[in-house]
Structure formats: structure tokens, C-alpha cells
PDB file of N, CA and C in Angstrom:
ATOM      1  N   MET A   1     127.609-261.712  58.600  1.00  0.00           N
ATOM      2  CA  MET A   1     126.662-260.952  58.181  1.00  0.00           C
ATOM      3  C   MET A   1     126.714-260.755  56.344  1.00  0.00           C
ATOM      4  N   LYS A   2     127.846-260.864  55.936  1.00  0.00           N
ATOM      5  CA  LYS A   2     128.183-260.643  54.618  1.00  0.00           C
ATOM      6  C   LYS A   2     127.229-261.776  53.629  1.00  0.00           C
ATOM      7  N   LYS A   3     127.054-262.810  54.091  1.00  0.00           N
ATOM      8  CA  LYS A   3     126.112-263.722  53.378  1.00  0.00           C
ATOM      9  C   LYS A   3     124.774-263.384  53.825  1.00  0.00           C
ATOM     10  N   SER A   4     124.335-263.183  54.704  1.00  0.00           N
ATOM     11  CA  SER A   4     122.956-262.821  54.748  1.00  0.00           C
ATOM     12  C   SER A   4     122.483-261.453  54.424  1.00  0.00           C
ATOM     13  N   GLY A   5     123.388-260.709  54.190  1.00  0.00           N
ATOM     14  CA  GLY A   5     123.418-259.164  53.629  1.00  0.00           C
ATOM     15  C   GLY A   5     123.277-259.210  52.175  1.00  0.00           C
ATOM     16  N   LYS A   6     123.934-260.264  51.889  1.00  0.00           N
ATOM     17  CA  LYS A   6     124.234-260.279  50.167  1.00  0.00           C
ATOM     18  C   LYS A   6     122.359-261.190  49.822  1.00  0.00           C
ATOM     19  N   LEU A   7     122.138-262.021  50.647  1.00  0.00           N
ATOM     20  CA  LEU A   7     120.704-262.453  50.388  1.00  0.00           C
ATOM     21  C   LEU A   7     119.553-261.414  50.442  1.00  0.00           C
ATOM     22  N   LEU A   8     119.753-260.644  51.757  1.00  0.00           N
ATOM     23  CA  LEU A   8     118.888-259.484  51.724  1.00  0.00           C
ATOM     24  C   LEU A   8     118.826-258.435  50.758  1.00  0.00           C
ATOM     25  N   GLY A   9     120.117-258.323  50.186  1.00  0.00           N
ATOM     26  CA  GLY A   9     119.966-257.432  49.088  1.00  0.00           C
ATOM     27  C   GLY A   9     119.528-257.752  47.749  1.00  0.00           C
ATOM     28  N   ARG A  10     119.636-259.256  47.504  1.00  0.00           N
ATOM     29  CA  ARG A  10     119.306-259.562  46.261  1.00  0.00           C
ATOM     30  C   ARG A  10     117.401-259.303  46.269  1.00  0.00           C
ATOM     31  N   VAL A  11     117.004-260.189  47.516  1.00  0.00           N
ATOM     32  CA  VAL A  11     115.398-260.154  47.567  1.00  0.00           C
ATOM     33  C   VAL A  11     114.982-258.728  47.683  1.00  0.00           C
ATOM     34  N   LEU A  12     115.626-257.518  48.196  1.00  0.00           N
ATOM     35  CA  LEU A  12     115.336-256.166  48.075  1.00  0.00           C
ATOM     36  C   LEU A  12     115.242-255.828  46.597  1.00  0.00           C
ATOM     37  N   GLU A  13     116.484-255.953  46.013  1.00  0.00           N
ATOM     38  CA  GLU A  13     116.561-255.496  44.503  1.00  0.00           C
ATOM     39  C   GLU A  13     115.494-256.291  43.871  1.00  0.00           C
ATOM     40  N   GLN A  14     115.480-257.486  43.850  1.00  0.00           N
ATOM     41  CA  GLN A  14     114.369-258.301  42.942  1.00  0.00           C
ATOM     42  C   GLN A  14     113.070-257.800  43.150  1.00  0.00           C
ATOM     43  N   ARG A  15     112.468-257.311  44.545  1.00  0.00           N
ATOM     44  CA  ARG A  15     111.335-256.748  44.733  1.00  0.00           C
ATOM     45  C   ARG A  15     111.318-255.161  44.673  1.00  0.00           C
ATOM     46  N   GLY A  16     112.179-254.577  44.225  1.00  0.00           N
ATOM     47  CA  GLY A  16     112.321-253.118  43.896  1.00  0.00           C
ATOM     48  C   GLY A  16     112.094-252.174  45.306  1.00  0.00           C
ATOM     49  N   LEU A  17     112.748-253.028  46.470  1.00  0.00           N
ATOM     50  CA  LEU A  17     112.466-252.307  47.682  1.00  0.00           C
ATOM     51  C   LEU A  17     113.792-251.429  48.113  1.00  0.00           C
ATOM     52  N   HIS A  18     113.812-250.393  48.948  1.00  0.00           N
ATOM     53  CA  HIS A  18     115.125-249.677  49.276  1.00  0.00           C
ATOM     54  C   HIS A  18     114.912-249.846  50.981  1.00  0.00           C
ATOM     55  N   LEU A  19     116.005-250.123  51.378  1.00  0.00           N
ATOM     56  CA  LEU A  19     116.236-249.859  52.961  1.00  0.00           C
ATOM     57  C   LEU A  19     116.822-248.719  53.547  1.00  0.00           C
ATOM     58  N   VAL A  20     116.711-248.365  54.583  1.00  0.00           N
ATOM     59  CA  VAL A  20     117.380-247.335  55.603  1.00  0.00           C
ATOM     60  C   VAL A  20     117.621-247.721  56.709  1.00  0.00           C
ATOM     61  N   THR A  21     118.827-247.795  57.181  1.00  0.00           N
ATOM     62  CA  THR A  21     119.075-247.933  58.586  1.00  0.00           C
ATOM     63  C   THR A  21     119.009-246.917  59.441  1.00  0.00           C
ATOM     64  N   VAL A  22     118.453-246.684  60.888  1.00  0.00           N
ATOM     65  CA  VAL A  22     118.511-245.785  61.756  1.00  0.00           C
ATOM     66  C   VAL A  22     119.042-246.575  63.130  1.00  0.00           C
ATOM     67  N   GLU A  23     120.274-246.347  63.258  1.00  0.00           N
ATOM     68  CA  GLU A  23     120.847-246.575  64.420  1.00  0.00           C
ATOM     69  C   GLU A  23     121.503-245.743  65.522  1.00  0.00           C
ATOM     70  N   SER A  24     121.093-246.209  66.847  1.00  0.00           N
ATOM     71  CA  SER A  24     121.828-245.547  67.958  1.00  0.00           C
ATOM     72  C   SER A  24     122.722-246.495  68.352  1.00  0.00           C
ATOM     73  N   ARG A  25     122.316-247.559  68.899  1.00  0.00           N
ATOM     74  CA  ARG A  25     123.262-248.534  69.834  1.00  0.00           C
ATOM     75  C   ARG A  25     124.559-248.955  68.823  1.00  0.00           C
ATOM     76  N   THR A  26     124.337-249.199  67.368  1.00  0.00           N
ATOM     77  CA  THR A  26     125.423-249.740  66.592  1.00  0.00           C
ATOM     78  C   THR A  26     125.909-248.745  65.809  1.00  0.00           C
ATOM     79  N   ALA A  27     125.988-247.785  66.012  1.00  0.00           N
ATOM     80  CA  ALA A  27     126.519-246.456  65.587  1.00  0.00           C
ATOM     81  C   ALA A  27     126.896-246.618  63.998  1.00  0.00           C
ATOM     82  N   GLY A  28     126.005-247.126  63.266  1.00  0.00           N
ATOM     83  CA  GLY A  28     126.178-247.061  61.848  1.00  0.00           C
ATOM     84  C   GLY A  28     126.720-248.501  61.139  1.00  0.00           C
ATOM     85  N   LEU A  29     127.179-249.276  62.315  1.00  0.00           N
ATOM     86  CA  LEU A  29     127.972-250.609  61.903  1.00  0.00           C
ATOM     87  C   LEU A  29     127.088-251.383  60.921  1.00  0.00           C
ATOM     88  N   ILE A  30     125.523-251.471  61.090  1.00  0.00           N
ATOM     89  CA  ILE A  30     124.742-252.195  60.192  1.00  0.00           C
ATOM     90  C   ILE A  30     124.806-251.435  58.744  1.00  0.00           C
ATOM     91  N   ALA A  31     124.751-250.355  58.789  1.00  0.00           N
ATOM     92  CA  ALA A  31     124.874-249.559  57.300  1.00  0.00           C
ATOM     93  C   ALA A  31     126.269-249.729  56.641  1.00  0.00           C
ATOM     94  N   ALA A  32     127.431-249.601  57.636  1.00  0.00           N
ATOM     95  CA  ALA A  32     128.639-249.945  57.078  1.00  0.00           C
ATOM     96  C   ALA A  32     128.850-251.547  56.648  1.00  0.00           C
ATOM     97  N   GLU A  33     128.226-252.459  57.200  1.00  0.00           N
ATOM     98  CA  GLU A  33     128.329-253.703  56.524  1.00  0.00           C
ATOM     99  C   GLU A  33     127.538-253.997  55.538  1.00  0.00           C
ATOM    100  N   LEU A  34     126.287-253.343  55.394  1.00  0.00           N
ATOM    101  CA  LEU A  34     125.440-253.377  54.046  1.00  0.00           C
ATOM    102  C   LEU A  34     125.974-252.700  53.235  1.00  0.00           C
ATOM    103  N   GLY A  35     126.630-251.726  53.356  1.00  0.00           N
ATOM    104  CA  GLY A  35     127.285-250.716  52.255  1.00  0.00           C
ATOM    105  C   GLY A  35     128.344-251.295  51.668  1.00  0.00           C
ATOM    106  N   ASP A  36     129.051-252.435  52.375  1.00  0.00           N
ATOM    107  CA  ASP A  36     130.264-252.898  51.701  1.00  0.00           C
ATOM    108  C   ASP A  36     130.112-254.077  51.018  1.00  0.00           C
ATOM    109  N   ILE A  37     128.721-254.219  50.695  1.00  0.00           N
ATOM    110  CA  ILE A  37     128.165-255.440  49.772  1.00  0.00           C
ATOM    111  C   ILE A  37     128.148-254.823  48.247  1.00  0.00           C
ATOM    112  N   GLU A  38     128.829-255.490  47.236  1.00  0.00           N
ATOM    113  CA  GLU A  38     128.602-255.009  45.756  1.00  0.00           C
ATOM    114  C   GLU A  38     127.267-254.886  45.443  1.00  0.00           C
ATOM    115  N   GLY A  39     126.930-254.001  44.678  1.00  0.00           N
ATOM    116  CA  GLY A  39     125.753-253.639  44.327  1.00  0.00           C
ATOM    117  C   GLY A  39     124.685-253.014  45.268  1.00  0.00           C
ATOM    118  N   CYS A  40     125.180-252.612  46.368  1.00  0.00           N
ATOM    119  CA  CYS A  40     124.086-252.283  47.613  1.00  0.00           C
ATOM    120  C   CYS A  40     123.747-251.010  47.240  1.00  0.00           C
ATOM    121  N   ALA A  41     123.810-250.320  46.369  1.00  0.00           N
ATOM    122  CA  ALA A  41     123.197-248.677  45.753  1.00  0.00           C
ATOM    123  C   ALA A  41     122.050-249.055  45.197  1.00  0.00           C
ATOM    124  N   ALA A  42     121.527-250.627  44.560  1.00  0.00           N
ATOM    125  CA  ALA A  42     120.557-250.700  44.352  1.00  0.00           C
ATOM    126  C   ALA A  42     119.383-250.845  44.929  1.00  0.00           C
ATOM    127  N   TRP A  43     119.677-250.901  46.542  1.00  0.00           N
ATOM    128  CA  TRP A  43     118.748-251.270  47.329  1.00  0.00           C
ATOM    129  C   TRP A  43     118.953-250.704  48.929  1.00  0.00           C
ATOM    130  N   LEU A  44     120.156-249.979  48.982  1.00  0.00           N
ATOM    131  CA  LEU A  44     120.212-249.583  50.255  1.00  0.00           C
ATOM    132  C   LEU A  44     120.348-247.872  49.866  1.00  0.00           C
ATOM    133  N   GLU A  45     119.123-247.164  50.571  1.00  0.00           N
ATOM    134  CA  GLU A  45     118.709-245.808  50.313  1.00  0.00           C
ATOM    135  C   GLU A  45     119.860-244.894  51.437  1.00  0.00           C
ATOM    136  N   GLY A  46     120.160-245.440  52.411  1.00  0.00           N
ATOM    137  CA  GLY A  46     120.888-244.402  53.136  1.00  0.00           C
ATOM    138  C   GLY A  46     120.864-244.902  54.802  1.00  0.00           C
ATOM    139  N   ALA A  47     121.457-244.084  55.557  1.00  0.00           N
ATOM    140  CA  ALA A  47     121.581-244.267  57.128  1.00  0.00           C
ATOM    141  C   ALA A  47     121.342-243.056  57.919  1.00  0.00           C
ATOM    142  N   PHE A  48     120.967-243.365  58.942  1.00  0.00           N
ATOM    143  CA  PHE A  48     120.950-242.246  60.096  1.00  0.00           C
ATOM    144  C   PHE A  48     121.567-242.969  61.487  1.00  0.00           C
ATOM    145  N   VAL A  49     122.458-242.189  61.954  1.00  0.00           N
ATOM    146  CA  VAL A  49     122.929-242.480  63.349  1.00  0.00           C
ATOM    147  C   VAL A  49     122.756-241.269  64.504  1.00  0.00           C
ATOM    148  N   THR A  50     121.829-241.882  65.200  1.00  0.00           N
ATOM    149  CA  THR A  50     121.347-240.663  66.218  1.00  0.00           C
ATOM    150  C   THR A  50     121.669-241.335  67.748  1.00  0.00           C
ATOM    151  N   TYR A  51     122.221-240.508  68.366  1.00  0.00           N
ATOM    152  CA  TYR A  51     122.561-240.731  69.849  1.00  0.00           C
ATOM    153  C   TYR A  51     121.900-240.254  70.787  1.00  0.00           C
ATOM    154  N   THR A  52     121.833-238.840  70.726  1.00  0.00           N
ATOM    155  CA  THR A  52     121.225-238.040  71.434  1.00  0.00           C
ATOM    156  C   THR A  52     119.630-237.630  71.314  1.00  0.00           C
ATOM    157  N   VAL A  53     118.768-237.286  72.079  1.00  0.00           N
ATOM    158  CA  VAL A  53     117.549-236.990  72.017  1.00  0.00           C
ATOM    159  C   VAL A  53     117.277-235.940  70.952  1.00  0.00           C
ATOM    160  N   LEU A  54     118.320-234.828  71.172  1.00  0.00           N
ATOM    161  CA  LEU A  54     118.195-233.854  70.053  1.00  0.00           C
ATOM    162  C   LEU A  54     118.279-234.291  68.507  1.00  0.00           C
ATOM    163  N   ALA A  55     119.356-235.235  68.339  1.00  0.00           N
ATOM    164  CA  ALA A  55     119.194-235.802  66.709  1.00  0.00           C
ATOM    165  C   ALA A  55     118.351-236.598  66.443  1.00  0.00           C
ATOM    166  N   LYS A  56     117.793-237.489  67.329  1.00  0.00           N
ATOM    167  CA  LYS A  56     116.496-238.310  67.196  1.00  0.00           C
ATOM    168  C   LYS A  56     115.369-237.227  66.867  1.00  0.00           C
ATOM    169  N   ASN A  57     115.614-235.917  67.267  1.00  0.00           N
ATOM    170  CA  ASN A  57     114.248-235.209  67.258  1.00  0.00           C
ATOM    171  C   ASN A  57     114.396-234.475  65.981  1.00  0.00           C
ATOM    172  N   CYS A  58     115.776-234.048  65.785  1.00  0.00           N
ATOM    173  CA  CYS A  58     115.920-233.020  64.595  1.00  0.00           C
ATOM    174  C   CYS A  58     115.757-233.892  63.286  1.00  0.00           C
ATOM    175  N   MET A  59     116.381-235.128  63.210  1.00  0.00           N
ATOM    176  CA  MET A  59     116.566-235.981  62.064  1.00  0.00           C
ATOM    177  C   MET A  59     115.636-236.929  61.972  1.00  0.00           C
ATOM    178  N   LEU A  60     114.782-237.337  62.902  1.00  0.00           N
ATOM    179  CA  LEU A  60     113.851-238.497  62.930  1.00  0.00           C
ATOM    180  C   LEU A  60     112.130-237.943  63.476  1.00  0.00           C
ATOM    181  N   GLY A  61     112.147-236.842  64.217  1.00  0.00           N
ATOM    182  CA  GLY A  61     111.019-236.418  64.510  1.00  0.00           C
ATOM    183  C   GLY A  61     110.700-237.144  66.035  1.00  0.00           C
ATOM    184  N   VAL A  62     111.492-237.477  66.474  1.00  0.00           N
ATOM    185  CA  VAL A  62     111.273-238.508  67.798  1.00  0.00           C
ATOM    186  C   VAL A  62     111.115-236.951  68.925  1.00  0.00           C
ATOM    187  N   THR A  63     110.132-237.043  69.791  1.00  0.00           N
ATOM    188  CA  THR A  63     109.868-235.868  70.539  1.00  0.00           C
ATOM    189  C   THR A  63     110.658-236.181  72.035  1.00  0.00           C
ATOM    190  N   GLN A  64     110.908-235.129  72.695  1.00  0.00           N
ATOM    191  CA  GLN A  64     111.190-235.397  74.153  1.00  0.00           C
ATOM    192  C   GLN A  64     110.189-235.856  74.800  1.00  0.00           C
ATOM    193  N   GLU A  65     109.076-235.419  74.665  1.00  0.00           N
ATOM    194  CA  GLU A  65     107.782-236.095  75.332  1.00  0.00           C
ATOM    195  C   GLU A  65     107.761-237.642  75.248  1.00  0.00           C
ATOM    196  N   GLU A  66     107.958-238.043  74.040  1.00  0.00           N
ATOM    197  CA  GLU A  66     107.916-239.407  73.695  1.00  0.00           C
ATOM    198  C   GLU A  66     109.387-240.252  74.586  1.00  0.00           C
ATOM    199  N   VAL A  67     110.221-239.631  74.568  1.00  0.00           N
ATOM    200  CA  VAL A  67     111.392-240.038  75.442  1.00  0.00           C
ATOM    201  C   VAL A  67     111.220-240.037  76.878  1.00  0.00           C
ATOM    202  N   ASP A  68     110.493-238.887  77.288  1.00  0.00           N
ATOM    203  CA  ASP A  68     110.071-238.951  78.681  1.00  0.00           C
ATOM    204  C   ASP A  68     109.211-240.317  79.360  1.00  0.00           C
ATOM    205  N   VAL A  69     107.944-240.327  78.184  1.00  0.00           N
ATOM    206  CA  VAL A  69     106.929-241.283  78.586  1.00  0.00           C
ATOM    207  C   VAL A  69     107.607-242.599  78.503  1.00  0.00           C
ATOM    208  N   HIS A  70     108.232-243.005  77.412  1.00  0.00           N
ATOM    209  CA  HIS A  70     108.596-244.198  76.913  1.00  0.00           C
ATOM    210  C   HIS A  70     110.047-244.826  77.210  1.00  0.00           C
ATOM    211  N   GLY A  71     111.008-243.880  77.480  1.00  0.00           N
ATOM    212  CA  GLY A  71     112.246-243.861  77.887  1.00  0.00           C
ATOM    213  C   GLY A  71     113.138-244.068  76.309  1.00  0.00           C
ATOM    214  N   LEU A  72     114.293-243.629  76.528  1.00  0.00           N
ATOM    215  CA  LEU A  72     114.980-243.214  75.415  1.00  0.00           C
ATOM    216  C   LEU A  72     115.639-244.854  74.825  1.00  0.00           C
ATOM    217  N   MET A  73     115.825-245.825  75.370  1.00  0.00           N
ATOM    218  CA  MET A  73     116.006-247.023  74.948  1.00  0.00           C
ATOM    219  C   MET A  73     114.738-247.793  75.076  1.00  0.00           C
ATOM    220  N   SER A  74     113.845-247.546  74.288  1.00  0.00           N
ATOM    221  CA  SER A  74     112.517-248.569  74.442  1.00  0.00           C
ATOM    222  C   SER A  74     112.177-248.874  73.026  1.00  0.00           C
ATOM    223  N   GLU A  75     111.230-249.938  72.894  1.00  0.00           N
ATOM    224  CA  GLU A  75     110.761-250.354  71.847  1.00  0.00           C
ATOM    225  C   GLU A  75     109.905-249.269  71.141  1.00  0.00           C
ATOM    226  N   TYR A  76     109.097-248.616  71.958  1.00  0.00           N
ATOM    227  CA  TYR A  76     108.488-247.499  71.307  1.00  0.00           C
ATOM    228  C   TYR A  76     109.131-246.380  70.524  1.00  0.00           C
ATOM    229  N   VAL A  77     110.567-245.925  70.888  1.00  0.00           N
ATOM    230  CA  VAL A  77     111.416-245.037  70.522  1.00  0.00           C
ATOM    231  C   VAL A  77     112.109-245.779  69.423  1.00  0.00           C
ATOM    232  N   ALA A  78     112.326-246.920  69.388  1.00  0.00           N
ATOM    233  CA  ALA A  78     113.055-247.577  68.144  1.00  0.00           C
ATOM    234  C   ALA A  78     111.911-247.737  67.112  1.00  0.00           C
ATOM    235  N   GLU A  79     110.600-247.862  67.561  1.00  0.00           N
ATOM    236  CA  GLU A  79     109.924-247.817  66.335  1.00  0.00           C
ATOM    237  C   GLU A  79     109.422-246.422  65.707  1.00  0.00           C
ATOM    238  N   ARG A  80     109.617-245.393  66.547  1.00  0.00           N
ATOM    239  CA  ARG A  80     109.548-244.125  66.189  1.00  0.00           C
ATOM    240  C   ARG A  80     110.894-243.735  65.259  1.00  0.00           C
ATOM    241  N   MET A  81     111.780-244.159  65.569  1.00  0.00           N
ATOM    242  CA  MET A  81     113.126-243.871  64.807  1.00  0.00           C
ATOM    243  C   MET A  81     112.855-244.681  63.432  1.00  0.00           C
ATOM    244  N   ALA A  82     112.317-245.793  63.456  1.00  0.00           N
ATOM    245  CA  ALA A  82     112.314-246.465  62.032  1.00  0.00           C
ATOM    246  C   ALA A  82     111.116-245.675  61.160  1.00  0.00           C
ATOM    247  N   LEU A  83     110.087-245.049  61.733  1.00  0.00           N
ATOM    248  CA  LEU A  83     109.356-244.303  60.903  1.00  0.00           C
ATOM    249  C   LEU A  83     109.890-243.158  60.722  1.00  0.00           C
ATOM    250  N   GLY A  84     110.679-242.553  61.404  1.00  0.00           N
ATOM    251  CA  GLY A  84     111.180-240.989  61.177  1.00  0.00           C
ATOM    252  C   GLY A  84     112.316-241.320  60.004  1.00  0.00           C
ATOM    253  N   GLY A  85     113.021-242.397  60.119  1.00  0.00           N
ATOM    254  CA  GLY A  85     113.849-242.569  58.758  1.00  0.00           C
ATOM    255  C   GLY A  85     113.175-242.887  57.607  1.00  0.00           C
ATOM    256  N   LEU A  86     112.023-243.554  57.684  1.00  0.00           N
ATOM    257  CA  LEU A  86     111.190-243.665  56.336  1.00  0.00           C
ATOM    258  C   LEU A  86     110.610-242.457  55.912  1.00  0.00           C
ATOM    259  N   ALA A  87     110.259-241.502  56.769  1.00  0.00           N
ATOM    260  CA  ALA A  87     109.852-240.263  56.622  1.00  0.00           C
ATOM    261  C   ALA A  87     110.960-239.425  55.839  1.00  0.00           C
ATOM    262  N   GLY A  88     112.082-239.726  56.211  1.00  0.00           N
ATOM    263  CA  GLY A  88     113.168-238.666  55.757  1.00  0.00           C
ATOM    264  C   GLY A  88     114.057-239.081  54.574  1.00  0.00           C
ATOM    265  N   CYS A  89     113.324-240.133  53.940  1.00  0.00           N
ATOM    266  CA  CYS A  89     113.999-240.631  52.599  1.00  0.00           C
ATOM    267  C   CYS A  89     113.046-241.548  51.748  1.00  0.00           C
ATOM    268  N   ASN A  90     113.549-241.903  50.796  1.00  0.00           N
ATOM    269  CA  ASN A  90     112.617-242.679  49.790  1.00  0.00           C
ATOM    270  C   ASN A  90     112.755-244.195  49.747  1.00  0.00           C
ATOM    271  N   ALA A  91     112.968-244.357  51.310  1.00  0.00           N
ATOM    272  CA  ALA A  91     112.927-246.163  51.428  1.00  0.00           C
ATOM    273  C   ALA A  91     111.743-246.562  51.533  1.00  0.00           C
ATOM    274  N   THR A  92     111.532-247.798  51.503  1.00  0.00           N
ATOM    275  CA  THR A  92     110.303-248.569  51.523  1.00  0.00           C
ATOM    276  C   THR A  92     110.429-249.374  52.864  1.00  0.00           C
ATOM    277  N   LEU A  93     111.452-249.825  53.380  1.00  0.00           N
ATOM    278  CA  LEU A  93     111.866-250.490  54.991  1.00  0.00           C
ATOM    279  C   LEU A  93     112.783-249.879  55.652  1.00  0.00           C
ATOM    280  N   ALA A  94     112.857-250.135  56.884  1.00  0.00           N
ATOM    281  CA  ALA A  94     113.830-249.477  57.680  1.00  0.00           C
ATOM    282  C   ALA A  94     114.091-250.560  58.666  1.00  0.00           C
ATOM    283  N   ILE A  95     115.320-250.511  59.325  1.00  0.00           N
ATOM    284  CA  ILE A  95     115.736-251.174  60.576  1.00  0.00           C
ATOM    285  C   ILE A  95     116.036-250.050  61.549  1.00  0.00           C
ATOM    286  N   ALA A  96     115.885-250.166  62.683  1.00  0.00           N
ATOM    287  CA  ALA A  96     116.220-249.357  63.640  1.00  0.00           C
ATOM    288  C   ALA A  96     116.596-250.168  64.927  1.00  0.00           C
ATOM    289  N   ASN A  97     117.676-249.368  65.885  1.00  0.00           N
ATOM    290  CA  ASN A  97     117.922-249.886  67.363  1.00  0.00           C
ATOM    291  C   ASN A  97     118.346-248.566  68.057  1.00  0.00           C
ATOM    292  N   THR A  98     118.255-248.995  69.129  1.00  0.00           N
ATOM    293  CA  THR A  98     118.709-248.278  70.433  1.00  0.00           C
ATOM    294  C   THR A  98     118.852-249.123  71.446  1.00  0.00           C
ATOM    295  N   GLY A  99     119.512-248.567  72.306  1.00  0.00           N
ATOM    296  CA  GLY A  99     119.986-249.650  73.660  1.00  0.00           C
ATOM    297  C   GLY A  99     121.211-249.002  74.502  1.00  0.00           C
ATOM    298  N   VAL A 100     121.301-250.043  75.521  1.00  0.00           N
ATOM    299  CA  VAL A 100     122.465-249.403  76.281  1.00  0.00           C
ATOM    300  C   VAL A 100     123.824-250.461  76.249  1.00  0.00           C
ATOM    301  N   ALA A 101     124.812-250.269  75.809  1.00  0.00           N
ATOM    302  CA  ALA A 101     126.105-251.092  75.684  1.00  0.00           C
ATOM    303  C   ALA A 101     126.584-251.620  76.900  1.00  0.00           C
ATOM    304  N   GLY A 102     126.696-250.466  77.825  1.00  0.00           N
ATOM    305  CA  GLY A 102     127.112-250.826  79.444  1.00  0.00           C
ATOM    306  C   GLY A 102     128.714-250.331  79.182  1.00  0.00           C
ATOM    307  N   PRO A 103     129.139-250.500  80.212  1.00  0.00           N
ATOM    308  CA  PRO A 103     129.115-251.701  81.349  1.00  0.00           C
ATOM    309  C   PRO A 103     128.124-251.055  82.166  1.00  0.00           C
ATOM    310  N   ASN A 104     127.769-249.902  82.373  1.00  0.00           N
ATOM    311  CA  ASN A 104     126.816-249.380  83.337  1.00  0.00           C
ATOM    312  C   ASN A 104     125.372-249.188  83.008  1.00  0.00           C
ATOM    313  N   ASP A 105     124.519-249.478  83.756  1.00  0.00           N
ATOM    314  CA  ASP A 105     123.191-249.191  83.216  1.00  0.00           C
ATOM    315  C   ASP A 105     123.077-247.949  82.994  1.00  0.00           C
ATOM    316  N   ALA A 106     122.017-247.385  81.947  1.00  0.00           N
ATOM    317  CA  ALA A 106     121.573-245.946  81.682  1.00  0.00           C
ATOM    318  C   ALA A 106     121.160-245.224  82.959  1.00  0.00           C
ATOM    319  N   PRO A 107     121.142-243.612  82.801  1.00  0.00           N
ATOM    320  CA  PRO A 107     120.946-242.908  83.830  1.00  0.00           C
ATOM    321  C   PRO A 107     119.663-243.099  84.188  1.00  0.00           C
ATOM    322  N   ASP A 108     118.462-243.534  83.257  1.00  0.00           N
ATOM    323  CA  ASP A 108     117.049-243.704  83.403  1.00  0.00           C
ATOM    324  C   ASP A 108     116.677-244.950  83.882  1.00  0.00           C
ATOM    325  N   GLY A 109     117.945-245.905  84.318  1.00  0.00           N
ATOM    326  CA  GLY A 109     117.652-247.180  84.851  1.00  0.00           C
ATOM    327  C   GLY A 109     117.586-248.228  83.941  1.00  0.00           C
ATOM    328  N   THR A 110     117.579-247.882  82.598  1.00  0.00           N
ATOM    329  CA  THR A 110     117.588-249.022  81.687  1.00  0.00           C
ATOM    330  C   THR A 110     118.784-249.827  81.810  1.00  0.00           C
ATOM    331  N   LYS A 111     118.830-251.304  81.681  1.00  0.00           N
ATOM    332  CA  LYS A 111     119.932-251.915  81.970  1.00  0.00           C
ATOM    333  C   LYS A 111     120.732-252.254  80.951  1.00  0.00           C
ATOM    334  N   ALA A 112     122.167-252.111  81.368  1.00  0.00           N
ATOM    335  CA  ALA A 112     123.101-252.543  80.227  1.00  0.00           C
ATOM    336  C   ALA A 112     122.886-253.849  79.630  1.00  0.00           C
ATOM    337  N   GLY A 113     122.965-253.851  78.285  1.00  0.00           N
ATOM    338  CA  GLY A 113     122.636-254.774  77.272  1.00  0.00           C
ATOM    339  C   GLY A 113     121.521-254.937  76.819  1.00  0.00           C
ATOM    340  N   THR A 114     120.457-253.713  77.243  1.00  0.00           N
ATOM    341  CA  THR A 114     119.423-253.629  76.754  1.00  0.00           C
ATOM    342  C   THR A 114     119.537-253.412  75.186  1.00  0.00           C
ATOM    343  N   VAL A 115     118.828-253.790  74.305  1.00  0.00           N
ATOM    344  CA  VAL A 115     118.670-253.579  72.676  1.00  0.00           C
ATOM    345  C   VAL A 115     117.375-253.748  72.496  1.00  0.00           C
ATOM    346  N   CYS A 116     116.751-252.525  71.688  1.00  0.00           N
ATOM    347  CA  CYS A 116     115.456-252.483  71.081  1.00  0.00           C
ATOM    348  C   CYS A 116     115.640-252.385  69.770  1.00  0.00           C
ATOM    349  N   PHE A 117     114.754-253.303  68.850  1.00  0.00           N
ATOM    350  CA  PHE A 117     114.795-253.110  67.346  1.00  0.00           C
ATOM    351  C   PHE A 117     113.643-253.065  66.903  1.00  0.00           C
ATOM    352  N   ALA A 118     113.527-251.990  65.915  1.00  0.00           N
ATOM    353  CA  ALA A 118     112.021-251.949  65.137  1.00  0.00           C
ATOM    354  C   ALA A 118     112.505-252.036  63.636  1.00  0.00           C
TER     355      ALA A 118
END
């Protein structure tokens, strides 16, 4: 990831863009990897790590109703997480993920290994 992260950082910096990460499935690992790149403060705005529905609601504006309709580990919720991350800081781009690591399926029936990105 270091090589691709450095390339991403150069492109973002050249274009004056700032990235926020919004993570559930990866528990901040994306932000940690990007934050370890020299000069990342020029383009890495910040990070949100939200496991629970309450955290997603308080920090990102994802509602319980949206989770009930679409599922906690869904593309819809990943997109809402990304939009919430953008609304919560000065970033111009966001990457978000949610999913089920396993080894068991989630209580709502989402299969282990499911990962949704936005």
C-alpha cells in the first residue's frame, strides 16, 4: 500500500484535494497506512472509525431507519458513511467501508467476508 498510497498522496496534493477515511470493517487501518506516509498532512484530512449504529448516527448521520431498510453492511450504508465523513470535515474526497469479517455471518444474515466500499 505504501507505493500506491504515495502515488495517491502526490495526485491529491497536486490537485489540492483532501481525503477523509470512514471505516468500519478495517478499524482505521486505511487511515493508519496513509498516515504513515511522509507529507500526508498535505492531503489526509482525517478519519472516522464507526462500528456501531450509534457511532454511525452520531458521527456520520446514518440513521437507524436507513440501517433497518438497507442493512448495516450494505453499499447504501457505505455511501452514507462516505457522505457523512465529507460533511463532518473539510475533505473533498472520502473512502468508506463496512462489512463482516467473520468467521460467522452477521446477526442480520450478511455473509462473513462481505465488504462494501464507497
